[in-house]
Amino acid sequence: QVQLVESGGGLVQGGTSLRLSCAASGRTFRPYAMGWFRQAPPGKDREFVAAITWSGGTIYYADSVKDRFTISRDNAKNTVYLQMNSLKPDDTAVYYCAGTYSSSTGDKLVAAPTYDYWGQGTRVTVSS
């Protein structure tokens, strides 16, 4: 069993930055890819933010965060990061990390059902 634990959320002013972390533990962790999704308000579908393949480092971003957010991974620490710059009130959401063992193309990695494991989420609130 794999556990994913997000951290780094909080309340910030617009225009500032946050870095989210997602640490994996449990069984030997060798996912095909890791992704970040966000959900706001509760009950709405989770929106794709970014994804990265674990071995090759291929990266995908949603258009809404491109040039502001950066996803990265540290294989040795089994951790994936999301650096969020120039935050906007529209970025307010609960952010979830997720992992998949299935080899998938980019069009699948932007879809939540592709992912096998999810963290509990970390809340990001951006004030105007």
Foldseek 3Di string as FASTA:
>chain_A
DKAKAKDWADEEAAQAKIKMKIFIDDPPDQFQKKFKWWDPPPPDDTFGAKMAGDPPGDIDGDPVQPPFWDWDDDVVRRMIMIIGGRDDQVPWTWMKMFTHRDDDDPVLVRDPVRTDDIHPTDTHGYHD
